[in-house]
Each structure stands twice: as structure tokens, then as C-alpha cells.
């Protein structure tokens, strides 16, 4: 096998690894956004209707961090941002349809 053919093979292998990794990262990012949107929906549904008091998000965040040590990204501030994320983006969807996480997955898969 010539040197050029060895390099072409190396490029093919590395290129495939890069493309596969980028695809996996894209899937992970989509799942994370779906999770944040779903959490935002849940928080919005319970805080905006008065089911939860003003300290609920902070307490839920504290308990999550206690039960899942090392968990980051779920501070009270971030959870409020998830609620805002849901509330801002839900206006683009049918307001009569209660969107659930499974619906989000089906929508995002069919969009690809």
C-alpha cells in the first residue's frame, strides 16, 4: 500500500469518526433541549397556576442537588430559565395541545 493510500485511509477513518461524533453530540444536544423544555413546562404548569408557592423552585433545586450529588445545571436560576424557555417557545405551538416529552421527540424526529 502506497503512502498516499495510507493517508487517504487515515483521512477516511478520522473523517468518519468526526462525523459520527458530531451526530452523537447533536442527538445529545437535542435530548438536553427536550429535557429543559419539558422541565420548563412542568414548572410553568405548577407555578403559574398557583399550585406551588414562591419558594418551590429553590426547594426543588436544593432537593435535586441533594439526591443527585454532583448534578449541575439545575440551580433555581437555571430552572427559572427553563420555565422561560418553555413559555417563550410554546407560543409557536398550538395553544390547545398540551405538549408532552414524547410529542417533542416525535416532532423533532419527523423534522429531521
PDB file of N, CA and C in Angstrom:
ATOM      1  N   UNK A   1       0.865  -1.172   0.000  1.00  0.00           N
ATOM      2  CA  UNK A   1       0.000   0.000   0.000  1.00  0.00           C
ATOM      3  C   UNK A   1       0.910   1.233   0.000  1.00  0.00           C
ATOM      4  N   UNK A   2       0.632   2.138  -0.902  1.00  0.00           N
ATOM      5  CA  UNK A   2       1.459   3.339  -1.009  1.00  0.00           C
ATOM      6  C   UNK A   2       1.184   4.284   0.159  1.00  0.00           C
ATOM      7  N   UNK A   3       2.110   5.209   0.353  1.00  0.00           N
ATOM      8  CA  UNK A   3       1.950   6.204   1.426  1.00  0.00           C
ATOM      9  C   UNK A   3       0.680   7.010   1.218  1.00  0.00           C
ATOM     10  N   UNK A   4       0.409   7.396  -0.024  1.00  0.00           N
ATOM     11  CA  UNK A   4      -0.782   8.190  -0.316  1.00  0.00           C
ATOM     12  C   UNK A   4      -2.045   7.416   0.054  1.00  0.00           C
ATOM     13  N   UNK A   5      -2.089   6.138  -0.256  1.00  0.00           N
ATOM     14  CA  UNK A   5      -3.259   5.327   0.072  1.00  0.00           C
ATOM     15  C   UNK A   5      -3.419   5.181   1.590  1.00  0.00           C
ATOM     16  N   UNK A   6      -2.307   5.083   2.310  1.00  0.00           N
ATOM     17  CA  UNK A   6      -2.372   5.008   3.776  1.00  0.00           C
ATOM     18  C   UNK A   6      -2.981   6.283   4.339  1.00  0.00           C
ATOM     19  N   UNK A   7      -2.553   7.408   3.808  1.00  0.00           N
ATOM     20  CA  UNK A   7      -3.069   8.694   4.297  1.00  0.00           C
ATOM     21  C   UNK A   7      -4.542   8.863   3.942  1.00  0.00           C
ATOM     22  N   UNK A   8      -4.921   8.432   2.741  1.00  0.00           N
ATOM     23  CA  UNK A   8      -6.324   8.515   2.350  1.00  0.00           C
ATOM     24  C   UNK A   8      -7.185   7.654   3.272  1.00  0.00           C
ATOM     25  N   UNK A   9      -6.689   6.494   3.623  1.00  0.00           N
ATOM     26  CA  UNK A   9      -7.414   5.621   4.554  1.00  0.00           C
ATOM     27  C   UNK A   9      -7.525   6.284   5.929  1.00  0.00           C
ATOM     28  N   UNK A  10      -6.431   6.900   6.383  1.00  0.00           N
ATOM     29  CA  UNK A  10      -6.443   7.595   7.675  1.00  0.00           C
ATOM     30  C   UNK A  10      -7.445   8.737   7.660  1.00  0.00           C
ATOM     31  N   UNK A  11      -7.484   9.476   6.569  1.00  0.00           N
ATOM     32  CA  UNK A  11      -8.434  10.584   6.439  1.00  0.00           C
ATOM     33  C   UNK A  11      -9.864  10.048   6.482  1.00  0.00           C
ATOM     34  N   UNK A  12     -10.119   8.945   5.777  1.00  0.00           N
ATOM     35  CA  UNK A  12     -11.463   8.367   5.763  1.00  0.00           C
ATOM     36  C   UNK A  12     -11.886   7.933   7.166  1.00  0.00           C
ATOM     37  N   UNK A  13     -11.007   7.252   7.893  1.00  0.00           N
ATOM     38  CA  UNK A  13     -11.317   6.756   9.241  1.00  0.00           C
ATOM     39  C   UNK A  13     -11.556   7.936  10.190  1.00  0.00           C
ATOM     40  N   UNK A  14     -10.675   8.917  10.150  1.00  0.00           N
ATOM     41  CA  UNK A  14     -10.803  10.072  11.049  1.00  0.00           C
ATOM     42  C   UNK A  14     -12.041  10.895  10.696  1.00  0.00           C
ATOM     43  N   UNK A  15     -12.277  11.088   9.402  1.00  0.00           N
ATOM     44  CA  UNK A  15     -13.456  11.840   8.975  1.00  0.00           C
ATOM     45  C   UNK A  15     -14.733  11.157   9.453  1.00  0.00           C
ATOM     46  N   UNK A  16     -14.810   9.847   9.318  1.00  0.00           N
ATOM     47  CA  UNK A  16     -15.992   9.115   9.785  1.00  0.00           C
ATOM     48  C   UNK A  16     -16.164   9.254  11.296  1.00  0.00           C
ATOM     49  N   UNK A  17     -15.058   9.196  12.032  1.00  0.00           N
ATOM     50  CA  UNK A  17     -15.134   9.355  13.490  1.00  0.00           C
ATOM     51  C   UNK A  17     -15.638  10.748  13.852  1.00  0.00           C
ATOM     52  N   UNK A  18     -15.154  11.761  13.153  1.00  0.00           N
ATOM     53  CA  UNK A  18     -15.591  13.141  13.414  1.00  0.00           C
ATOM     54  C   UNK A  18     -17.076  13.287  13.120  1.00  0.00           C
ATOM     55  N   UNK A  19     -17.509  12.800  11.965  1.00  0.00           N
ATOM     56  CA  UNK A  19     -18.919  12.930  11.593  1.00  0.00           C
ATOM     57  C   UNK A  19     -19.828  12.169  12.552  1.00  0.00           C
ATOM     58  N   UNK A  20     -19.406  10.981  12.973  1.00  0.00           N
ATOM     59  CA  UNK A  20     -20.194  10.201  13.932  1.00  0.00           C
ATOM     60  C   UNK A  20     -20.280  10.925  15.276  1.00  0.00           C
ATOM     61  N   UNK A  21     -19.165  11.478  15.703  1.00  0.00           N
ATOM     62  CA  UNK A  21     -19.137  12.207  16.971  1.00  0.00           C
ATOM     63  C   UNK A  21     -20.039  13.441  16.903  1.00  0.00           C
ATOM     64  N   UNK A  22     -19.984  14.156  15.798  1.00  0.00           N
ATOM     65  CA  UNK A  22     -20.834  15.341  15.645  1.00  0.00           C
ATOM     66  C   UNK A  22     -22.302  14.958  15.649  1.00  0.00           C
ATOM     67  N   UNK A  23     -22.635  13.838  15.026  1.00  0.00           N
ATOM     68  CA  UNK A  23     -24.005  13.358  15.016  1.00  0.00           C
ATOM     69  C   UNK A  23     -24.463  13.013  16.426  1.00  0.00           C
ATOM     70  N   UNK A  24     -23.628  12.299  17.174  1.00  0.00           N
ATOM     71  CA  UNK A  24     -23.962  11.932  18.547  1.00  0.00           C
ATOM     72  C   UNK A  24     -24.121  13.171  19.422  1.00  0.00           C
ATOM     73  N   UNK A  25     -23.261  14.164  19.237  1.00  0.00           N
ATOM     74  CA  UNK A  25     -23.363  15.406  20.001  1.00  0.00           C
ATOM     75  C   UNK A  25     -24.667  16.114  19.674  1.00  0.00           C
ATOM     76  N   UNK A  26     -25.051  16.093  18.415  1.00  0.00           N
ATOM     77  CA  UNK A  26     -26.309  16.724  18.009  1.00  0.00           C
ATOM     78  C   UNK A  26     -27.495  16.041  18.682  1.00  0.00           C
ATOM     79  N   UNK A  27     -27.468  14.709  18.727  1.00  0.00           N
ATOM     80  CA  UNK A  27     -28.535  13.971  19.403  1.00  0.00           C
ATOM     81  C   UNK A  27     -28.570  14.306  20.889  1.00  0.00           C
ATOM     82  N   UNK A  28     -27.402  14.386  21.504  1.00  0.00           N
ATOM     83  CA  UNK A  28     -27.336  14.712  22.933  1.00  0.00           C
ATOM     84  C   UNK A  28     -27.858  16.116  23.182  1.00  0.00           C
ATOM     85  N   UNK A  29     -27.496  17.056  22.340  1.00  0.00           N
ATOM     86  CA  UNK A  29     -27.985  18.424  22.488  1.00  0.00           C
ATOM     87  C   UNK A  29     -29.499  18.483  22.338  1.00  0.00           C
ATOM     88  N   UNK A  30     -30.037  17.737  21.382  1.00  0.00           N
ATOM     89  CA  UNK A  30     -31.485  17.715  21.179  1.00  0.00           C
ATOM     90  C   UNK A  30     -32.182  17.156  22.414  1.00  0.00           C
ATOM     91  N   UNK A  31     -31.655  16.065  22.962  1.00  0.00           N
ATOM     92  CA  UNK A  31     -32.247  15.463  24.156  1.00  0.00           C
ATOM     93  C   UNK A  31     -32.202  16.430  25.334  1.00  0.00           C
ATOM     94  N   UNK A  32     -31.103  17.146  25.471  1.00  0.00           N
ATOM     95  CA  UNK A  32     -30.986  18.095  26.571  1.00  0.00           C
ATOM     96  C   UNK A  32     -31.998  19.230  26.408  1.00  0.00           C
ATOM     97  N   UNK A  33     -32.158  19.735  25.194  1.00  0.00           N
ATOM     98  CA  UNK A  33     -33.153  20.778  24.963  1.00  0.00           C
ATOM     99  C   UNK A  33     -34.563  20.270  25.237  1.00  0.00           C
ATOM    100  N   UNK A  34     -34.845  19.036  24.819  1.00  0.00           N
ATOM    101  CA  UNK A  34     -36.158  18.457  25.104  1.00  0.00           C
ATOM    102  C   UNK A  34     -36.388  18.329  26.605  1.00  0.00           C
ATOM    103  N   UNK A  35     -35.345  17.938  27.326  1.00  0.00           N
ATOM    104  CA  UNK A  35     -35.448  17.831  28.777  1.00  0.00           C
ATOM    105  C   UNK A  35     -35.718  19.195  29.393  1.00  0.00           C
ATOM    106  N   UNK A  36     -34.949  20.200  29.004  1.00  0.00           N
ATOM    107  CA  UNK A  36     -35.144  21.550  29.546  1.00  0.00           C
ATOM    108  C   UNK A  36     -36.538  22.077  29.221  1.00  0.00           C
ATOM    109  N   UNK A  37     -36.999  21.830  28.009  1.00  0.00           N
ATOM    110  CA  UNK A  37     -38.331  22.273  27.610  1.00  0.00           C
ATOM    111  C   UNK A  37     -39.393  21.568  28.454  1.00  0.00           C
ATOM    112  N   UNK A  38     -39.234  20.266  28.643  1.00  0.00           N
ATOM    113  CA  UNK A  38     -40.194  19.504  29.446  1.00  0.00           C
ATOM    114  C   UNK A  38     -40.204  19.938  30.904  1.00  0.00           C
ATOM    115  N   UNK A  39     -39.025  20.175  31.470  1.00  0.00           N
ATOM    116  CA  UNK A  39     -38.947  20.661  32.849  1.00  0.00           C
ATOM    117  C   UNK A  39     -39.579  22.046  32.932  1.00  0.00           C
ATOM    118  N   UNK A  40     -39.282  22.886  31.952  1.00  0.00           N
ATOM    119  CA  UNK A  40     -39.885  24.226  31.924  1.00  0.00           C
ATOM    120  C   UNK A  40     -41.399  24.173  31.875  1.00  0.00           C
ATOM    121  N   UNK A  41     -41.915  23.238  31.086  1.00  0.00           N
ATOM    122  CA  UNK A  41     -43.372  23.070  31.009  1.00  0.00           C
ATOM    123  C   UNK A  41     -43.943  22.653  32.357  1.00  0.00           C
ATOM    124  N   UNK A  42     -43.296  21.698  32.983  1.00  0.00           N
ATOM    125  CA  UNK A  42     -43.761  21.204  34.282  1.00  0.00           C
ATOM    126  C   UNK A  42     -43.727  22.315  35.333  1.00  0.00           C
ATOM    127  N   UNK A  43     -42.644  23.044  35.361  1.00  0.00           N
ATOM    128  CA  UNK A  43     -42.516  24.144  36.328  1.00  0.00           C
ATOM    129  C   UNK A  43     -43.549  25.222  36.039  1.00  0.00           C
ATOM    130  N   UNK A  44     -43.705  25.583  34.781  1.00  0.00           N
ATOM    131  CA  UNK A  44     -44.675  26.611  34.408  1.00  0.00           C
ATOM    132  C   UNK A  44     -46.089  26.201  34.803  1.00  0.00           C
ATOM    133  N   UNK A  45     -46.421  24.948  34.514  1.00  0.00           N
ATOM    134  CA  UNK A  45     -47.768  24.449  34.822  1.00  0.00           C
ATOM    135  C   UNK A  45     -48.079  24.533  36.309  1.00  0.00           C
ATOM    136  N   UNK A  46     -47.073  24.338  37.140  1.00  0.00           N
ATOM    137  CA  UNK A  46     -47.305  24.316  38.579  1.00  0.00           C
ATOM    138  C   UNK A  46     -47.113  25.666  39.255  1.00  0.00           C
ATOM    139  N   UNK A  47     -46.273  26.510  38.696  1.00  0.00           N
ATOM    140  CA  UNK A  47     -46.062  27.815  39.339  1.00  0.00           C
ATOM    141  C   UNK A  47     -47.063  28.857  38.857  1.00  0.00           C
ATOM    142  N   UNK A  48     -47.395  28.827  37.604  1.00  0.00           N
ATOM    143  CA  UNK A  48     -48.290  29.850  37.049  1.00  0.00           C
ATOM    144  C   UNK A  48     -49.736  29.636  37.470  1.00  0.00           C
ATOM    145  N   UNK A  49     -50.077  28.427  37.877  1.00  0.00           N
ATOM    146  CA  UNK A  49     -51.447  28.144  38.310  1.00  0.00           C
ATOM    147  C   UNK A  49     -51.614  28.296  39.813  1.00  0.00           C
ATOM    148  N   UNK A  50     -50.529  28.568  40.507  1.00  0.00           N
ATOM    149  CA  UNK A  50     -50.600  28.746  41.953  1.00  0.00           C
ATOM    150  C   UNK A  50     -50.520  27.462  42.747  1.00  0.00           C
ATOM    151  N   UNK A  51     -50.233  26.337  42.088  1.00  0.00           N
ATOM    152  CA  UNK A  51     -50.101  25.071  42.814  1.00  0.00           C
ATOM    153  C   UNK A  51     -48.885  25.086  43.724  1.00  0.00           C
ATOM    154  N   UNK A  52     -47.829  25.767  43.294  1.00  0.00           N
ATOM    155  CA  UNK A  52     -46.600  25.862  44.073  1.00  0.00           C
ATOM    156  C   UNK A  52     -46.425  27.289  44.560  1.00  0.00           C
ATOM    157  N   UNK A  53     -45.841  27.425  45.743  1.00  0.00           N
ATOM    158  CA  UNK A  53     -45.548  28.736  46.295  1.00  0.00           C
ATOM    159  C   UNK A  53     -44.284  29.339  45.708  1.00  0.00           C
ATOM    160  N   UNK A  54     -43.927  30.513  46.201  1.00  0.00           N
ATOM    161  CA  UNK A  54     -42.795  31.242  45.641  1.00  0.00           C
ATOM    162  C   UNK A  54     -41.442  30.579  45.886  1.00  0.00           C
ATOM    163  N   UNK A  55     -41.311  29.775  46.912  1.00  0.00           N
ATOM    164  CA  UNK A  55     -40.032  29.125  47.188  1.00  0.00           C
ATOM    165  C   UNK A  55     -39.905  27.727  46.620  1.00  0.00           C
ATOM    166  N   UNK A  56     -40.877  27.302  45.842  1.00  0.00           N
ATOM    167  CA  UNK A  56     -40.900  25.917  45.353  1.00  0.00           C
ATOM    168  C   UNK A  56     -39.715  25.587  44.463  1.00  0.00           C
ATOM    169  N   UNK A  57     -39.397  26.455  43.525  1.00  0.00           N
ATOM    170  CA  UNK A  57     -38.313  26.154  42.589  1.00  0.00           C
ATOM    171  C   UNK A  57     -36.992  26.018  43.337  1.00  0.00           C
ATOM    172  N   UNK A  58     -36.730  26.914  44.260  1.00  0.00           N
ATOM    173  CA  UNK A  58     -35.492  26.849  45.042  1.00  0.00           C
ATOM    174  C   UNK A  58     -35.429  25.556  45.856  1.00  0.00           C
ATOM    175  N   UNK A  59     -36.535  25.165  46.443  1.00  0.00           N
ATOM    176  CA  UNK A  59     -36.560  23.939  47.242  1.00  0.00           C
ATOM    177  C   UNK A  59     -36.392  22.698  46.372  1.00  0.00           C
ATOM    178  N   UNK A  60     -37.045  22.668  45.227  1.00  0.00           N
ATOM    179  CA  UNK A  60     -36.914  21.536  44.311  1.00  0.00           C
ATOM    180  C   UNK A  60     -35.468  21.430  43.834  1.00  0.00           C
ATOM    181  N   UNK A  61     -34.873  22.554  43.496  1.00  0.00           N
ATOM    182  CA  UNK A  61     -33.471  22.577  43.075  1.00  0.00           C
ATOM    183  C   UNK A  61     -32.566  22.040  44.176  1.00  0.00           C
ATOM    184  N   UNK A  62     -32.791  22.489  45.394  1.00  0.00           N
ATOM    185  CA  UNK A  62     -31.977  22.036  46.524  1.00  0.00           C
ATOM    186  C   UNK A  62     -32.098  20.533  46.706  1.00  0.00           C
ATOM    187  N   UNK A  63     -33.324  20.019  46.648  1.00  0.00           N
ATOM    188  CA  UNK A  63     -33.533  18.585  46.832  1.00  0.00           C
ATOM    189  C   UNK A  63     -32.925  17.768  45.696  1.00  0.00           C
ATOM    190  N   UNK A  64     -33.033  18.255  44.467  1.00  0.00           N
ATOM    191  CA  UNK A  64     -32.420  17.559  43.341  1.00  0.00           C
ATOM    192  C   UNK A  64     -30.909  17.453  43.529  1.00  0.00           C
ATOM    193  N   UNK A  65     -30.297  18.553  43.935  1.00  0.00           N
ATOM    194  CA  UNK A  65     -28.854  18.556  44.127  1.00  0.00           C
ATOM    195  C   UNK A  65     -28.446  17.651  45.293  1.00  0.00           C
ATOM    196  N   UNK A  66     -29.298  17.534  46.296  1.00  0.00           N
ATOM    197  CA  UNK A  66     -29.024  16.638  47.419  1.00  0.00           C
ATOM    198  C   UNK A  66     -29.135  15.176  46.985  1.00  0.00           C
ATOM    199  N   UNK A  67     -30.191  14.853  46.218  1.00  0.00           N
ATOM    200  CA  UNK A  67     -30.435  13.471  45.819  1.00  0.00           C
ATOM    201  C   UNK A  67     -29.546  13.006  44.670  1.00  0.00           C
ATOM    202  N   UNK A  68     -29.029  13.936  43.896  1.00  0.00           N
ATOM    203  CA  UNK A  68     -28.137  13.609  42.784  1.00  0.00           C
ATOM    204  C   UNK A  68     -26.839  14.393  42.950  1.00  0.00           C
ATOM    205  N   UNK A  69     -25.974  13.961  43.878  1.00  0.00           N
ATOM    206  CA  UNK A  69     -24.734  14.702  44.140  1.00  0.00           C
ATOM    207  C   UNK A  69     -23.909  14.874  42.865  1.00  0.00           C
ATOM    208  N   UNK A  70     -23.360  16.052  42.709  1.00  0.00           N
ATOM    209  CA  UNK A  70     -22.566  16.349  41.522  1.00  0.00           C
ATOM    210  C   UNK A  70     -23.393  16.849  40.355  1.00  0.00           C
ATOM    211  N   UNK A  71     -24.707  16.837  40.508  1.00  0.00           N
ATOM    212  CA  UNK A  71     -25.587  17.348  39.457  1.00  0.00           C
ATOM    213  C   UNK A  71     -25.382  18.844  39.333  1.00  0.00           C
ATOM    214  N   UNK A  72     -25.187  19.314  38.129  1.00  0.00           N
ATOM    215  CA  UNK A  72     -25.069  20.752  37.948  1.00  0.00           C
ATOM    216  C   UNK A  72     -25.991  21.152  36.795  1.00  0.00           C
ATOM    217  N   UNK A  73     -26.350  22.414  36.775  1.00  0.00           N
ATOM    218  CA  UNK A  73     -27.241  22.915  35.741  1.00  0.00           C
ATOM    219  C   UNK A  73     -28.688  23.011  36.182  1.00  0.00           C
ATOM    220  N   UNK A  74     -28.963  22.653  37.428  1.00  0.00           N
ATOM    221  CA  UNK A  74     -30.345  22.650  37.919  1.00  0.00           C
ATOM    222  C   UNK A  74     -30.499  23.542  39.138  1.00  0.00           C
ATOM    223  N   UNK A  75     -29.795  24.652  39.115  1.00  0.00           N
ATOM    224  CA  UNK A  75     -29.972  25.646  40.178  1.00  0.00           C
ATOM    225  C   UNK A  75     -31.357  26.256  40.020  1.00  0.00           C
ATOM    226  N   UNK A  76     -31.797  26.954  41.040  1.00  0.00           N
ATOM    227  CA  UNK A  76     -33.097  27.614  40.963  1.00  0.00           C
ATOM    228  C   UNK A  76     -33.125  28.593  39.792  1.00  0.00           C
ATOM    229  N   UNK A  77     -32.033  29.301  39.591  1.00  0.00           N
ATOM    230  CA  UNK A  77     -31.958  30.253  38.469  1.00  0.00           C
ATOM    231  C   UNK A  77     -32.109  29.524  37.137  1.00  0.00           C
ATOM    232  N   UNK A  78     -31.381  28.427  36.972  1.00  0.00           N
ATOM    233  CA  UNK A  78     -31.475  27.681  35.715  1.00  0.00           C
ATOM    234  C   UNK A  78     -32.862  27.095  35.509  1.00  0.00           C
ATOM    235  N   UNK A  79     -33.495  26.666  36.584  1.00  0.00           N
ATOM    236  CA  UNK A  79     -34.836  26.106  36.453  1.00  0.00           C
ATOM    237  C   UNK A  79     -35.844  27.191  36.080  1.00  0.00           C
ATOM    238  N   UNK A  80     -35.639  28.396  36.571  1.00  0.00           N
ATOM    239  CA  UNK A  80     -36.489  29.516  36.138  1.00  0.00           C
ATOM    240  C   UNK A  80     -36.257  29.820  34.655  1.00  0.00           C
ATOM    241  N   UNK A  81     -35.011  29.705  34.219  1.00  0.00           N
ATOM    242  CA  UNK A  81     -34.700  29.906  32.801  1.00  0.00           C
ATOM    243  C   UNK A  81     -35.342  28.821  31.929  1.00  0.00           C
ATOM    244  N   UNK A  82     -35.440  27.607  32.443  1.00  0.00           N
ATOM    245  CA  UNK A  82     -36.128  26.538  31.722  1.00  0.00           C
ATOM    246  C   UNK A  82     -37.607  26.886  31.567  1.00  0.00           C
ATOM    247  N   UNK A  83     -38.175  27.455  32.607  1.00  0.00           N
ATOM    248  CA  UNK A  83     -39.580  27.878  32.538  1.00  0.00           C
ATOM    249  C   UNK A  83     -39.748  28.960  31.477  1.00  0.00           C
ATOM    250  N   UNK A  84     -38.847  29.922  31.458  1.00  0.00           N
ATOM    251  CA  UNK A  84     -38.900  30.991  30.449  1.00  0.00           C
ATOM    252  C   UNK A  84     -38.728  30.392  29.054  1.00  0.00           C
ATOM    253  N   UNK A  85     -37.788  29.471  28.907  1.00  0.00           N
ATOM    254  CA  UNK A  85     -37.558  28.799  27.630  1.00  0.00           C
ATOM    255  C   UNK A  85     -38.855  28.153  27.143  1.00  0.00           C
ATOM    256  N   UNK A  86     -39.510  27.410  28.007  1.00  0.00           N
ATOM    257  CA  UNK A  86     -40.779  26.783  27.635  1.00  0.00           C
ATOM    258  C   UNK A  86     -41.823  27.833  27.272  1.00  0.00           C
ATOM    259  N   UNK A  87     -41.987  28.815  28.114  1.00  0.00           N
ATOM    260  CA  UNK A  87     -43.051  29.801  27.895  1.00  0.00           C
ATOM    261  C   UNK A  87     -42.834  30.610  26.614  1.00  0.00           C
ATOM    262  N   UNK A  88     -41.591  30.911  26.293  1.00  0.00           N
ATOM    263  CA  UNK A  88     -41.314  31.666  25.071  1.00  0.00           C
ATOM    264  C   UNK A  88     -41.557  30.822  23.820  1.00  0.00           C
ATOM    265  N   UNK A  89     -41.103  29.591  23.837  1.00  0.00           N
ATOM    266  CA  UNK A  89     -41.220  28.761  22.650  1.00  0.00           C
ATOM    267  C   UNK A  89     -42.588  28.124  22.493  1.00  0.00           C
ATOM    268  N   UNK A  90     -43.321  27.939  23.562  1.00  0.00           N
ATOM    269  CA  UNK A  90     -44.632  27.300  23.444  1.00  0.00           C
ATOM    270  C   UNK A  90     -45.612  28.166  22.667  1.00  0.00           C
ATOM    271  N   UNK A  91     -45.339  29.462  22.578  1.00  0.00           N
ATOM    272  CA  UNK A  91     -46.238  30.346  21.832  1.00  0.00           C
ATOM    273  C   UNK A  91     -46.219  30.041  20.334  1.00  0.00           C
ATOM    274  N   UNK A  92     -45.213  29.318  19.854  1.00  0.00           N
ATOM    275  CA  UNK A  92     -45.149  28.941  18.448  1.00  0.00           C
ATOM    276  C   UNK A  92     -45.921  27.672  18.153  1.00  0.00           C
ATOM    277  N   UNK A  93     -46.388  27.023  19.204  1.00  0.00           N
ATOM    278  CA  UNK A  93     -47.101  25.765  19.051  1.00  0.00           C
ATOM    279  C   UNK A  93     -48.591  25.984  19.243  1.00  0.00           C
ATOM    280  N   UNK A  94     -49.378  24.995  18.907  1.00  0.00           N
ATOM    281  CA  UNK A  94     -50.824  25.053  19.079  1.00  0.00           C
ATOM    282  C   UNK A  94     -51.155  25.207  20.566  1.00  0.00           C
ATOM    283  N   UNK A  95     -51.772  26.313  20.968  1.00  0.00           N
ATOM    284  CA  UNK A  95     -52.048  26.519  22.394  1.00  0.00           C
ATOM    285  C   UNK A  95     -53.074  25.548  22.971  1.00  0.00           C
ATOM    286  N   UNK A  96     -53.823  24.845  22.126  1.00  0.00           N
ATOM    287  CA  UNK A  96     -54.824  23.893  22.621  1.00  0.00           C
ATOM    288  C   UNK A  96     -54.259  22.492  22.800  1.00  0.00           C
ATOM    289  N   UNK A  97     -53.009  22.304  22.428  1.00  0.00           N
ATOM    290  CA  UNK A  97     -52.383  20.985  22.521  1.00  0.00           C
ATOM    291  C   UNK A  97     -51.384  20.986  23.658  1.00  0.00           C
ATOM    292  N   UNK A  98     -51.634  20.148  24.641  1.00  0.00           N
ATOM    293  CA  UNK A  98     -50.700  20.042  25.761  1.00  0.00           C
ATOM    294  C   UNK A  98     -49.542  19.164  25.321  1.00  0.00           C
ATOM    295  N   UNK A  99     -48.396  19.782  25.157  1.00  0.00           N
ATOM    296  CA  UNK A  99     -47.221  19.101  24.628  1.00  0.00           C
ATOM    297  C   UNK A  99     -46.514  18.312  25.714  1.00  0.00           C
ATOM    298  N   UNK A 100     -46.245  17.068  25.446  1.00  0.00           N
ATOM    299  CA  UNK A 100     -45.525  16.220  26.379  1.00  0.00           C
ATOM    300  C   UNK A 100     -44.179  15.855  25.755  1.00  0.00           C
ATOM    301  N   UNK A 101     -43.278  15.318  26.543  1.00  0.00           N
ATOM    302  CA  UNK A 101     -41.940  14.984  26.076  1.00  0.00           C
ATOM    303  C   UNK A 101     -41.995  14.014  24.902  1.00  0.00           C
ATOM    304  N   UNK A 102     -42.874  13.015  24.923  1.00  0.00           N
ATOM    305  CA  UNK A 102     -42.966  12.073  23.805  1.00  0.00           C
ATOM    306  C   UNK A 102     -43.374  12.784  22.528  1.00  0.00           C
ATOM    307  N   UNK A 103     -44.264  13.776  22.647  1.00  0.00           N
ATOM    308  CA  UNK A 103     -44.649  14.561  21.484  1.00  0.00           C
ATOM    309  C   UNK A 103     -43.456  15.326  20.932  1.00  0.00           C
ATOM    310  N   UNK A 104     -42.626  15.843  21.824  1.00  0.00           N
ATOM    311  CA  UNK A 104     -41.442  16.580  21.398  1.00  0.00           C
ATOM    312  C   UNK A 104     -40.505  15.674  20.621  1.00  0.00           C
ATOM    313  N   UNK A 105     -40.298  14.473  21.113  1.00  0.00           N
ATOM    314  CA  UNK A 105     -39.409  13.532  20.421  1.00  0.00           C
ATOM    315  C   UNK A 105     -39.951  13.211  19.043  1.00  0.00           C
ATOM    316  N   UNK A 106     -41.235  12.942  18.938  1.00  0.00           N
ATOM    317  CA  UNK A 106     -41.830  12.612  17.645  1.00  0.00           C
ATOM    318  C   UNK A 106     -41.703  13.791  16.689  1.00  0.00           C
ATOM    319  N   UNK A 107     -41.926  14.995  17.186  1.00  0.00           N
ATOM    320  CA  UNK A 107     -41.829  16.189  16.359  1.00  0.00           C
ATOM    321  C   UNK A 107     -40.410  16.392  15.874  1.00  0.00           C
ATOM    322  N   UNK A 108     -39.435  16.260  16.768  1.00  0.00           N
ATOM    323  CA  UNK A 108     -38.052  16.514  16.374  1.00  0.00           C
ATOM    324  C   UNK A 108     -37.530  15.432  15.446  1.00  0.00           C
ATOM    325  N   UNK A 109     -37.985  14.209  15.598  1.00  0.00           N
ATOM    326  CA  UNK A 109     -37.534  13.129  14.729  1.00  0.00           C
ATOM    327  C   UNK A 109     -38.115  13.309  13.327  1.00  0.00           C
ATOM    328  N   UNK A 110     -39.392  13.667  13.238  1.00  0.00           N
ATOM    329  CA  UNK A 110     -40.005  13.833  11.941  1.00  0.00           C
ATOM    330  C   UNK A 110     -39.478  15.059  11.207  1.00  0.00           C
ATOM    331  N   UNK A 111     -38.939  16.024  11.951  1.00  0.00           N
ATOM    332  CA  UNK A 111     -38.396  17.225  11.332  1.00  0.00           C
ATOM    333  C   UNK A 111     -37.049  16.965  10.682  1.00  0.00           C
ATOM    334  N   UNK A 112     -36.389  15.876  11.056  1.00  0.00           N
ATOM    335  CA  UNK A 112     -35.049  15.571  10.506  1.00  0.00           C
ATOM    336  C   UNK A 112     -35.123  14.877   9.184  1.00  0.00           C
TER     337      UNK A 112
END
